[in-house]
Protein backbone atom coordinates (compact mmCIF):
# COMPACT_ATOMS: atom_id res chain seq x y z
CA MET A 1 -0.02 -0.15 -0.10
CA SER A 2 1.44 3.30 -1.02
CA LYS A 3 1.91 6.01 1.87
CA ASN A 4 -0.42 8.09 0.37
CA ASN A 5 -3.21 5.69 0.40
CA GLN A 6 -2.22 4.83 3.98
CA ASN A 7 -2.52 8.56 5.26
CA ASN A 8 -5.97 8.63 3.23
CA ASN A 9 -7.04 5.67 5.21
CA ALA A 10 -5.90 6.97 8.76
CA SER A 11 -7.25 10.09 8.17
CA SER A 12 -10.85 8.42 7.19
CA HIS A 13 -10.61 6.18 10.58
CA ILE A 14 -9.55 9.37 12.56
CA VAL A 15 -12.34 11.46 11.12
CA ASP A 16 -14.83 8.32 11.75
CA PHE A 17 -13.26 7.46 15.24
CA LEU A 18 -13.97 11.22 16.45
CA LEU A 19 -17.24 11.53 14.79
CA ASP A 20 -18.53 8.24 16.47
CA ALA A 21 -16.74 9.53 20.01
CA THR A 22 -18.52 12.96 19.82
CA LEU A 23 -21.77 11.51 18.97
CA LYS A 24 -21.34 8.53 21.75
CA LYS A 25 -20.51 11.39 24.45
CA HIS A 26 -23.65 13.32 23.57
CA GLY A 27 -25.57 10.33 23.81
CA VAL A 28 -26.74 11.14 19.86
CA THR A 29 -28.45 8.00 18.26
CA LEU A 30 -29.13 8.21 14.83
CA ASP A 31 -32.67 6.98 13.90
CA LYS A 32 -32.84 7.29 10.06
CA THR A 33 -36.58 7.96 10.14
CA LYS A 34 -36.26 11.31 11.95
CA VAL A 35 -33.21 12.74 10.47
CA SER A 36 -34.35 15.13 7.83
CA GLU A 37 -32.52 15.15 4.14
CA THR A 38 -31.22 19.04 4.95
CA ASP A 39 -29.53 17.25 8.17
CA LYS A 40 -28.25 14.37 6.21
CA GLU A 41 -26.75 17.03 3.79
CA THR A 42 -25.36 19.22 6.60
CA LEU A 43 -23.36 16.50 8.02
CA LYS A 44 -21.82 14.93 4.99
CA ASP A 45 -20.75 18.55 3.97
CA MET A 46 -19.51 19.04 7.64
CA VAL A 47 -17.48 15.69 7.54
CA SER A 48 -16.62 16.26 3.62
CA LYS A 49 -14.91 19.51 4.89
CA LEU A 50 -12.99 17.88 8.06
CA ARG A 51 -11.77 15.30 6.15
CA LYS A 52 -10.65 17.63 3.47
CA ASP A 53 -9.00 19.50 6.50
CA VAL A 54 -7.25 16.66 7.92
CA ASP A 55 -6.12 15.59 4.39
CA GLY A 56 -4.40 18.75 3.97
CA VAL A 57 -2.67 18.52 7.29
CA MET A 58 -1.53 14.95 6.47
CA LYS A 59 -0.55 16.25 3.25
CA SER A 60 1.71 19.03 4.78
CA ASN A 61 2.99 17.09 7.44
CA ASN A 62 4.26 14.62 4.64
CA GLU A 63 5.88 17.20 2.86
CA GLU A 64 7.82 18.55 5.83
CA ASP A 65 9.19 15.42 6.36
CA GLU A 66 10.25 14.75 2.94
CA THR A 67 12.10 18.02 3.08
CA LYS A 68 14.05 16.82 6.25
């Protein structure tokens, strides 16, 4: 597996873990019948933005490591 693939996989797991931990901490359970389409889209957008941010940090860290 390439280093880039490993980083994307790690980023995905980090985001999933943080999201799951946050929801559990606040006692949130997702009942599919109660989540509106607007809320679903908002959540998807937030997760997507968070993934992009994490990927950006990971990429920046990799570039710093490569220059050392």
